[in-house]
Amino acid sequence: MEAHDTTKIIGRGHEQGSLLFKNWFDGLSGVAERSEASAYVFVMGSFVEILRCFDLPVVFPEINSLQMAVRHVAHDYLNEAEDFGFSPDICGYVKADVAVQLRGGEHPAGRIPTPTLAVLTNACNTYIKWAEIWERLHGTRVFTLDVPGTREVGATSRPGSSDFETDRRYVEGQIRELIGACEEITGKAFDIDRLRQVLSDCNTVSSSWKRIIDLNRSRPAVFNALTDGTVFLGVANGLRGTPEAAGYFSDLVEELEYKAENGIGTRTEEDYRLTFVGVPCYPIFRRFNELFTDWGGVFVNSTYLWFASGGTNLGFEYDLEHPLESLAEGVLLSVRDAMDSMFQSDRVIGSMIEEFSIDGVVYHPIKSCRTVSTGLADSRRALLAAHDVPTLFIESDMMDKRVVSEAQLKNRADAFFEGLAARRLREAAG
């Protein structure tokens, strides 16, 4: 690589990501002010590839809610939804979004447009009930796509098999129905060449996402999967299928490759390489991360970067000669992988331990999300039966600060690192 001005490369991903996010929310505010049509989608199977062909602005309610938590205003929205009648023990993302809807789209980052169309998959059971709320509040048209999951652990069908081809055709048929619905809503005809362009931009994001994750095999790790990874995730989801996202990720790969080649880590000293299972604690996001970095810990990977990217970690690239057929194949592979990353996390983590030189695994089940959290205790037992790796199991929430105890989290994290240090001393002593 040619000599670079490091002041223009390192940190570029954060700066550009923040600007893209601001522009995205500014654009959504404009859509809301003009009362134009919009589509609500989710991170596991967003189908932005189709929606962008019809110039439908996309809204990710999960990202909207996450933004409220990191800006420390989520409790106001949660209380408002609970006063409206929603139970305290359901998904915090849902309740925060309900309050946004009740406030006419008011959000700390701008104004969110009312959904004209909601597109969702069966990757999360909450998606289906969530969309029913918009249907009741706004008369939103809801389109649900059924993506076949893995039927049996270790027996996942692969491209080329008859089982896979049957599932792929099933998904393709639903995509064609979605195209018809978009034509009805927008009055625009579907343009296959526009789809090819969108898929081309998606390919850049997809290949870059896999490359970025792989680059963190280097020591020291070039980014923190918990904090930096969340920024990258936001752009990968929110702007997927746009030239802006393709350019952003090309630049990001260049930045992280430069850091890897020059031994520049996300921390000056990297004492423990960790992986994270679940969804981060956003109400105290910075402090939550410091519980680990203060001990020299670095999150080099996470299941979150897999399932919350909708399976983009596979690096699947669409065949532009057969766009619809390839889109169906990519959706089937990616969404299925996202589901497997949640429900078979022991296998995912098991594959990371050696490849990423993992010293410890942090499990973080949360009150809000049963889809992600149910089964994590069993998954941990399965992991420990197969691998000799220390683990930490801590519970809090991704939205609700009422169930987040920083003191308890710190006590558990401190004990975890004391155990890691003692283990290292024993290994050194032979």
Protein backbone atom coordinates (compact mmCIF):
# COMPACT_ATOMS: atom_id res chain seq x y z
CA MET A 1 0.00 0.00 0.00
CA GLU A 2 1.28 3.46 -0.81
CA ALA A 3 2.16 5.86 1.96
CA HIS A 4 -0.94 7.48 3.46
CA ASP A 5 -1.64 10.43 5.68
CA THR A 6 -2.81 8.49 8.72
CA THR A 7 -4.71 11.48 10.02
CA LYS A 8 -7.02 11.09 7.02
CA ILE A 9 -7.43 7.31 7.27
CA ILE A 10 -7.62 6.28 10.92
CA GLY A 11 -10.99 7.17 12.41
CA ARG A 12 -12.50 7.82 9.01
CA GLY A 13 -15.04 5.03 9.47
CA HIS A 14 -16.50 6.71 12.55
CA GLU A 15 -16.60 10.19 11.03
CA GLN A 16 -18.16 9.09 7.76
CA GLY A 17 -20.56 6.74 9.53
CA SER A 18 -21.84 9.54 11.78
CA LEU A 19 -22.33 11.86 8.80
CA LEU A 20 -24.16 9.19 6.77
CA PHE A 21 -26.41 8.46 9.72
CA LYS A 22 -27.24 12.15 10.18
CA ASN A 23 -28.02 12.51 6.50
CA TRP A 24 -30.19 9.39 6.59
CA PHE A 25 -32.29 10.68 9.50
CA ASP A 26 -32.48 14.14 7.90
CA GLY A 27 -33.85 12.46 4.78
CA LEU A 28 -36.45 10.56 6.81
CA SER A 29 -37.51 13.80 8.48
CA GLY A 30 -38.09 15.29 5.04
CA VAL A 31 -40.20 12.30 4.04
CA ALA A 32 -42.28 12.72 7.19
CA GLU A 33 -42.73 16.46 6.65
CA ARG A 34 -43.95 15.86 3.08
CA SER A 35 -46.18 12.93 4.21
CA GLU A 36 -44.61 10.70 1.56
CA ALA A 37 -44.70 6.92 1.48
CA SER A 38 -42.12 4.88 3.41
CA ALA A 39 -41.39 1.23 4.18
CA TYR A 40 -40.63 -0.16 7.63
CA VAL A 41 -38.21 -3.10 7.61
CA PHE A 42 -36.07 -5.15 10.00
CA VAL A 43 -32.41 -6.08 10.09
CA MET A 44 -32.92 -9.81 9.51
CA GLY A 45 -34.28 -9.80 5.97
CA SER A 46 -34.94 -6.17 5.07
CA PHE A 47 -35.48 -6.65 1.31
CA VAL A 48 -34.15 -3.16 0.69
CA GLU A 49 -32.91 -4.62 -2.60
CA ILE A 50 -36.50 -4.54 -3.86
CA LEU A 51 -37.71 -1.45 -1.99
CA ARG A 52 -34.94 0.78 -3.36
CA CYS A 53 -36.04 -0.11 -6.89
CA PHE A 54 -39.28 1.73 -6.10
CA ASP A 55 -37.61 4.68 -4.33
CA LEU A 56 -39.30 3.75 -1.07
CA PRO A 57 -37.38 5.30 1.87
CA VAL A 58 -36.66 2.58 4.43
CA VAL A 59 -37.09 2.91 8.18
CA PHE A 60 -35.50 0.48 10.63
CA PRO A 61 -37.52 0.68 13.88
CA GLU A 62 -34.88 -1.44 15.66
CA ILE A 63 -32.25 1.20 14.86
CA ASN A 64 -34.59 4.02 15.88
CA SER A 65 -35.10 2.41 19.29
CA LEU A 66 -31.40 1.68 19.74
CA GLN A 67 -30.67 5.34 19.06
CA MET A 68 -33.02 6.36 21.88
CA ALA A 69 -31.20 4.10 24.35
CA VAL A 70 -27.68 5.33 23.51
CA ARG A 71 -28.98 8.93 23.73
CA HIS A 72 -30.33 8.12 27.23
CA VAL A 73 -33.95 9.04 26.48
CA ALA A 74 -35.41 5.54 26.03
CA HIS A 75 -37.06 5.54 29.47
CA ASP A 76 -39.36 8.42 28.48
CA TYR A 77 -40.61 6.48 25.48
CA LEU A 78 -40.89 3.18 27.40
CA ASN A 79 -42.95 4.83 30.14
CA GLU A 80 -45.26 6.39 27.58
CA ALA A 81 -45.91 3.03 25.87
CA GLU A 82 -46.51 1.34 29.22
CA ASP A 83 -48.96 4.09 30.20
CA PHE A 84 -50.70 3.37 26.89
CA GLY A 85 -51.14 -0.26 27.98
CA PHE A 86 -48.08 -2.24 26.90
CA SER A 87 -46.62 -4.63 29.48
CA PRO A 88 -43.19 -3.86 31.04
CA ASP A 89 -41.89 -7.31 30.09
CA ILE A 90 -42.25 -7.12 26.32
CA CYS A 91 -39.60 -6.00 23.82
CA GLY A 92 -38.22 -2.55 24.66
CA TYR A 93 -37.61 -1.82 20.98
CA VAL A 94 -41.33 -2.32 20.32
CA LYS A 95 -42.46 -0.09 23.18
CA ALA A 96 -40.08 2.72 22.23
CA ASP A 97 -41.38 2.59 18.67
CA VAL A 98 -44.99 2.64 19.88
CA ALA A 99 -44.26 5.89 21.72
CA VAL A 100 -42.70 7.32 18.55
CA GLN A 101 -45.88 6.48 16.66
CA LEU A 102 -48.04 8.03 19.41
CA ARG A 103 -45.90 11.19 19.20
CA GLY A 104 -46.45 11.52 15.46
CA GLY A 105 -42.93 10.37 14.58
CA GLU A 106 -41.02 12.51 17.11
CA HIS A 107 -37.55 11.02 17.59
CA PRO A 108 -34.35 12.48 19.10
CA ALA A 109 -32.61 12.20 15.69
CA GLY A 110 -35.44 13.75 13.67
CA ARG A 111 -38.95 12.86 12.64
CA ILE A 112 -39.88 9.33 11.55
CA PRO A 113 -42.42 8.99 8.71
CA THR A 114 -45.59 6.94 9.11
CA PRO A 115 -45.28 3.45 7.55
CA THR A 116 -47.05 2.88 4.26
CA LEU A 117 -45.69 -0.64 3.90
CA ALA A 118 -44.09 -2.99 6.43
CA VAL A 119 -41.91 -5.83 5.17
CA LEU A 120 -40.84 -8.53 7.60
CA THR A 121 -39.66 -12.11 7.85
CA ASN A 122 -40.22 -14.89 10.33
CA ALA A 123 -36.61 -14.55 11.58
CA CYS A 124 -37.99 -12.99 14.79
CA ASN A 125 -41.41 -13.83 16.22
CA THR A 126 -41.76 -10.27 17.53
CA TYR A 127 -41.56 -8.82 14.01
CA ILE A 128 -44.97 -10.25 13.18
CA LYS A 129 -46.77 -8.87 16.25
CA TRP A 130 -44.89 -5.55 15.93
CA ALA A 131 -46.17 -4.99 12.38
CA GLU A 132 -49.72 -5.67 13.58
CA ILE A 133 -49.41 -2.55 15.77
CA TRP A 134 -48.71 -0.35 12.72
CA GLU A 135 -51.54 -2.07 10.89
CA ARG A 136 -53.94 -1.10 13.70
CA LEU A 137 -52.57 2.43 14.22
CA HIS A 138 -52.10 3.50 10.61
CA GLY A 139 -53.71 0.90 8.34
CA THR A 140 -50.21 -0.04 7.14
CA ARG A 141 -50.01 -2.75 4.51
CA VAL A 142 -48.02 -5.66 5.96
CA PHE A 143 -46.06 -8.10 3.83
CA THR A 144 -44.60 -11.12 5.65
CA LEU A 145 -42.07 -13.38 3.95
CA ASP A 146 -41.58 -16.89 5.24
CA VAL A 147 -37.88 -17.84 5.02
CA PRO A 148 -37.32 -21.57 5.72
CA GLY A 149 -34.89 -22.11 8.58
CA THR A 150 -32.55 -24.96 9.43
CA ARG A 151 -34.64 -28.07 10.08
CA GLU A 152 -31.98 -30.03 11.93
CA VAL A 153 -28.68 -29.06 13.52
CA GLY A 154 -25.81 -30.06 11.28
CA ALA A 155 -28.09 -30.90 8.34
CA THR A 156 -28.46 -27.51 6.66
CA SER A 157 -29.31 -27.79 2.96
CA ARG A 158 -26.77 -26.26 0.58
CA PRO A 159 -26.99 -24.78 -2.93
CA GLY A 160 -27.14 -27.56 -5.48
CA SER A 161 -29.30 -29.87 -3.38
CA SER A 162 -32.96 -30.46 -4.21
CA ASP A 163 -34.04 -29.35 -0.72
CA PHE A 164 -32.24 -26.04 -1.10
CA GLU A 165 -33.63 -25.44 -4.59
CA THR A 166 -37.18 -26.07 -3.33
CA ASP A 167 -36.70 -23.52 -0.55
CA ARG A 168 -35.06 -21.03 -2.92
CA ARG A 169 -37.98 -21.18 -5.36
CA TYR A 170 -40.37 -20.73 -2.42
CA VAL A 171 -38.56 -17.51 -1.41
CA GLU A 172 -38.35 -16.30 -5.02
CA GLY A 173 -42.11 -16.66 -5.42
CA GLN A 174 -42.65 -14.46 -2.36
CA ILE A 175 -40.20 -11.86 -3.66
CA ARG A 176 -42.16 -11.66 -6.90
CA GLU A 177 -45.33 -11.09 -4.83
CA LEU A 178 -43.53 -8.30 -2.94
CA ILE A 179 -42.62 -6.67 -6.25
CA GLY A 180 -46.29 -6.70 -7.21
CA ALA A 181 -47.24 -5.08 -3.91
CA CYS A 182 -44.63 -2.34 -4.39
CA GLU A 183 -45.92 -1.67 -7.92
CA GLU A 184 -49.44 -1.24 -6.52
CA ILE A 185 -48.34 1.08 -3.73
CA THR A 186 -45.99 3.31 -5.75
CA GLY A 187 -47.58 3.11 -9.21
CA LYS A 188 -44.09 2.43 -10.62
CA ALA A 189 -43.10 -0.47 -12.87
CA PHE A 190 -40.35 -2.81 -11.68
CA ASP A 191 -36.99 -2.20 -13.43
CA ILE A 192 -34.71 -5.25 -13.46
CA ASP A 193 -31.68 -3.12 -14.40
CA ARG A 194 -32.27 -0.91 -11.37
CA LEU A 195 -32.27 -4.06 -9.26
CA ARG A 196 -28.93 -5.07 -10.78
CA GLN A 197 -27.42 -1.72 -9.73
CA VAL A 198 -28.79 -2.05 -6.20
CA LEU A 199 -27.49 -5.61 -5.95
CA SER A 200 -24.08 -4.46 -7.15
CA ASP A 201 -23.89 -1.93 -4.30
CA CYS A 202 -25.08 -4.63 -1.89
CA ASN A 203 -22.29 -6.91 -3.10
CA THR A 204 -19.69 -4.32 -2.11
CA VAL A 205 -21.18 -4.05 1.37
CA SER A 206 -21.43 -7.81 1.74
CA SER A 207 -17.88 -8.65 0.66
CA SER A 208 -16.55 -5.75 2.75
CA TRP A 209 -18.47 -6.86 5.84
CA LYS A 210 -16.92 -10.31 5.70
CA ARG A 211 -13.47 -8.81 5.10
CA ILE A 212 -13.87 -6.46 8.08
CA ILE A 213 -14.79 -9.30 10.43
CA ASP A 214 -11.91 -11.42 9.12
CA LEU A 215 -9.44 -8.57 9.66
CA ASN A 216 -10.04 -8.78 13.40
CA ARG A 217 -8.17 -12.08 13.46
CA SER A 218 -5.06 -9.88 13.50
CA ARG A 219 -3.40 -9.07 16.79
CA PRO A 220 -3.99 -6.44 18.01
CA ALA A 221 -7.61 -6.31 16.88
CA VAL A 222 -8.26 -3.40 14.53
CA PHE A 223 -11.73 -2.60 15.86
CA ASN A 224 -13.93 -3.26 18.88
CA ALA A 225 -16.78 -5.53 17.80
CA LEU A 226 -19.04 -4.16 20.54
CA THR A 227 -18.69 -0.40 19.98
CA ASP A 228 -17.10 0.19 16.57
CA GLY A 229 -19.03 -2.80 15.25
CA THR A 230 -22.34 -1.18 16.19
CA VAL A 231 -21.47 1.90 14.12
CA PHE A 232 -20.54 -0.27 11.15
CA LEU A 233 -23.75 -2.28 11.59
CA GLY A 234 -25.88 0.85 11.42
CA VAL A 235 -24.49 1.84 8.03
CA ALA A 236 -24.58 -1.74 6.72
CA ASN A 237 -28.28 -2.01 7.49
CA GLY A 238 -29.59 1.52 7.04
CA LEU A 239 -27.86 2.35 3.78
CA ARG A 240 -27.52 -1.10 2.26
CA GLY A 241 -28.00 -1.07 -1.51
CA THR A 242 -26.87 2.55 -1.97
CA PRO A 243 -23.70 3.97 -3.59
CA GLU A 244 -23.02 5.80 -0.32
CA ALA A 245 -22.85 2.53 1.64
CA ALA A 246 -20.68 0.89 -1.03
CA GLY A 247 -18.23 3.81 -0.91
CA TYR A 248 -18.25 3.86 2.88
CA PHE A 249 -17.35 0.19 3.20
CA SER A 250 -14.66 0.37 0.52
CA ASP A 251 -13.05 3.16 2.54
CA LEU A 252 -13.55 1.26 5.79
CA VAL A 253 -11.81 -1.84 4.45
CA GLU A 254 -8.89 0.35 3.36
CA GLU A 255 -8.71 1.89 6.85
CA LEU A 256 -8.78 -1.40 8.70
CA GLU A 257 -6.35 -3.10 6.32
CA TYR A 258 -3.95 -0.22 6.91
CA LYS A 259 -4.27 -0.69 10.67
CA ALA A 260 -3.72 -4.44 10.39
CA GLU A 261 -0.65 -4.05 8.17
CA ASN A 262 0.87 -1.51 10.55
CA GLY A 263 -0.04 -3.22 13.82
CA ILE A 264 -2.40 -0.45 14.91
CA GLY A 265 -5.01 -1.84 17.28
CA THR A 266 -8.19 -0.45 18.71
CA ARG A 267 -6.32 -0.51 22.06
CA THR A 268 -2.68 0.25 22.78
CA GLU A 269 -2.46 -2.86 24.97
CA GLU A 270 -4.58 -5.89 24.25
CA ASP A 271 -4.54 -8.26 27.22
CA TYR A 272 -7.62 -10.41 26.62
CA ARG A 273 -9.43 -11.19 23.37
CA LEU A 274 -13.15 -11.65 23.96
CA THR A 275 -16.26 -12.49 22.00
CA PHE A 276 -19.77 -11.32 22.83
CA VAL A 277 -23.05 -13.25 22.67
CA GLY A 278 -26.36 -11.38 22.57
CA VAL A 279 -27.32 -7.71 22.26
CA PRO A 280 -25.27 -4.94 23.94
CA CYS A 281 -26.42 -2.96 27.00
CA TYR A 282 -27.28 0.31 25.28
CA PRO A 283 -28.63 2.31 28.28
CA ILE A 284 -25.04 2.46 29.66
CA PHE A 285 -23.28 1.58 26.42
CA ARG A 286 -19.96 3.34 27.02
CA ARG A 287 -19.69 2.26 30.65
CA PHE A 288 -20.70 -1.30 29.76
CA ASN A 289 -17.80 -1.49 27.31
CA GLU A 290 -15.42 0.02 29.87
CA LEU A 291 -16.18 -2.84 32.28
CA PHE A 292 -14.10 -4.93 29.87
CA THR A 293 -11.65 -2.49 28.30
CA ASP A 294 -10.53 -1.25 31.75
CA TRP A 295 -9.09 -4.76 32.25
CA GLY A 296 -7.43 -4.78 28.83
CA GLY A 297 -10.25 -6.75 27.22
CA VAL A 298 -11.15 -6.28 23.55
CA PHE A 299 -14.20 -7.70 21.83
CA VAL A 300 -12.81 -9.07 18.59
CA ASN A 301 -16.05 -10.64 17.37
CA SER A 302 -19.68 -11.20 18.38
CA THR A 303 -22.78 -13.09 17.34
CA TYR A 304 -24.38 -9.62 17.08
CA LEU A 305 -22.24 -8.80 14.03
CA TRP A 306 -23.67 -11.96 12.46
CA PHE A 307 -27.40 -12.01 13.21
CA ALA A 308 -27.97 -8.23 13.39
CA SER A 309 -26.39 -7.88 9.95
CA GLY A 310 -29.00 -10.32 8.64
CA GLY A 311 -26.30 -12.88 7.79
CA THR A 312 -24.15 -10.44 5.79
CA ASN A 313 -21.16 -12.03 7.55
CA LEU A 314 -21.34 -14.80 4.93
CA GLY A 315 -20.14 -12.33 2.31
CA PHE A 316 -22.69 -13.62 -0.19
CA GLU A 317 -22.52 -11.79 -3.53
CA TYR A 318 -25.47 -11.71 -5.92
CA ASP A 319 -25.24 -13.00 -9.48
CA LEU A 320 -26.18 -9.93 -11.54
CA GLU A 321 -26.97 -12.09 -14.57
CA HIS A 322 -29.80 -13.77 -12.63
CA PRO A 323 -30.82 -11.08 -10.14
CA LEU A 324 -34.14 -12.39 -8.82
CA GLU A 325 -33.01 -16.00 -8.58
CA SER A 326 -29.80 -14.91 -6.89
CA LEU A 327 -31.62 -12.56 -4.52
CA ALA A 328 -33.78 -15.47 -3.36
CA GLU A 329 -30.68 -17.61 -2.82
CA GLY A 330 -28.93 -14.82 -0.90
CA VAL A 331 -31.97 -14.18 1.30
CA LEU A 332 -32.35 -17.87 2.08
CA LEU A 333 -28.68 -18.31 2.98
CA SER A 334 -28.30 -15.06 4.91
CA VAL A 335 -31.53 -14.99 6.93
CA ARG A 336 -31.14 -18.66 7.77
CA ASP A 337 -27.59 -18.00 8.96
CA ALA A 338 -28.82 -15.07 11.07
CA MET A 339 -31.36 -17.35 12.76
CA ASP A 340 -28.73 -20.04 13.31
CA SER A 341 -26.42 -17.43 14.86
CA MET A 342 -29.08 -16.82 17.52
CA PHE A 343 -30.42 -20.31 18.09
CA GLN A 344 -27.15 -22.25 17.70
CA SER A 345 -24.75 -19.73 19.19
CA ASP A 346 -22.59 -22.48 20.72
CA ARG A 347 -21.57 -23.58 17.23
CA VAL A 348 -20.93 -20.02 16.10
CA ILE A 349 -18.80 -19.24 19.16
CA GLY A 350 -17.04 -22.58 18.89
CA SER A 351 -15.91 -21.65 15.39
CA MET A 352 -14.53 -18.30 16.62
CA ILE A 353 -12.42 -19.57 19.53
CA GLU A 354 -9.43 -20.77 17.55
CA GLU A 355 -9.77 -18.52 14.50
CA PHE A 356 -9.86 -15.34 16.59
CA SER A 357 -7.67 -16.55 19.50
CA ILE A 358 -10.48 -16.05 22.01
CA ASP A 359 -9.55 -15.88 25.73
CA GLY A 360 -13.11 -15.58 27.05
CA VAL A 361 -16.78 -15.51 26.06
CA VAL A 362 -19.27 -12.98 27.45
CA TYR A 363 -22.95 -14.00 27.39
CA HIS A 364 -25.42 -11.16 27.79
CA PRO A 365 -29.06 -12.30 27.87
CA ILE A 366 -31.50 -9.38 28.10
CA LYS A 367 -34.96 -8.95 29.53
CA SER A 368 -36.38 -7.35 26.39
CA CYS A 369 -35.53 -9.98 23.80
CA ARG A 370 -36.57 -13.57 24.37
CA THR A 371 -35.73 -14.45 20.77
CA VAL A 372 -32.05 -13.79 21.35
CA SER A 373 -31.84 -14.69 25.04
CA THR A 374 -33.88 -17.87 25.38
CA GLY A 375 -31.58 -20.86 25.38
CA LEU A 376 -28.34 -18.94 26.02
CA ALA A 377 -27.78 -20.81 29.31
CA ASP A 378 -28.09 -24.15 27.49
CA SER A 379 -25.91 -22.85 24.68
CA ARG A 380 -23.24 -21.94 27.22
CA ARG A 381 -23.33 -25.44 28.71
CA ALA A 382 -22.96 -26.94 25.24
CA LEU A 383 -20.01 -24.66 24.52
CA LEU A 384 -18.27 -25.57 27.78
CA ALA A 385 -18.76 -29.27 27.07
CA ALA A 386 -16.93 -28.90 23.78
CA HIS A 387 -14.32 -26.20 24.56
CA ASP A 388 -12.07 -25.26 27.45
CA VAL A 389 -12.81 -21.54 27.47
CA PRO A 390 -13.80 -19.23 30.37
CA THR A 391 -17.24 -17.65 30.12
CA LEU A 392 -19.14 -14.83 31.83
CA PHE A 393 -22.95 -14.84 32.06
CA ILE A 394 -24.43 -11.43 32.91
CA GLU A 395 -27.98 -10.14 32.50
CA SER A 396 -29.41 -6.67 31.92
CA ASP A 397 -31.25 -5.07 29.01
CA MET A 398 -30.75 -3.31 25.69
CA MET A 399 -33.30 -0.53 26.40
CA ASP A 400 -34.64 -0.49 29.96
CA LYS A 401 -32.26 1.11 32.46
CA ARG A 402 -34.57 0.01 35.30
CA VAL A 403 -33.14 -3.51 35.04
CA VAL A 404 -29.53 -2.45 34.52
CA SER A 405 -27.37 -2.59 37.67
CA GLU A 406 -23.94 -1.21 36.86
CA ALA A 407 -22.54 -2.25 40.25
CA GLN A 408 -23.62 -5.87 39.83
CA LEU A 409 -22.32 -5.98 36.28
CA LYS A 410 -18.96 -4.60 37.42
CA ASN A 411 -18.65 -7.14 40.25
CA ARG A 412 -19.25 -10.00 37.81
CA ALA A 413 -16.89 -8.57 35.19
CA ASP A 414 -14.13 -7.98 37.77
CA ALA A 415 -14.40 -11.58 39.02
CA PHE A 416 -14.31 -12.84 35.42
CA PHE A 417 -11.06 -11.02 34.67
CA GLU A 418 -9.50 -12.11 37.97
CA GLY A 419 -10.24 -15.66 36.88
CA LEU A 420 -8.70 -15.04 33.45
CA ALA A 421 -5.56 -13.63 35.10
CA ALA A 422 -5.28 -16.60 37.47
CA ARG A 423 -5.74 -19.01 34.57
CA ARG A 424 -2.96 -17.31 32.65
CA LEU A 425 -0.61 -17.58 35.65
CA ARG A 426 -1.38 -21.29 36.01
CA GLU A 427 -0.70 -21.88 32.32
CA ALA A 428 2.58 -19.96 32.55
CA ALA A 429 3.63 -22.06 35.55
CA GLY A 430 2.90 -25.23 33.58
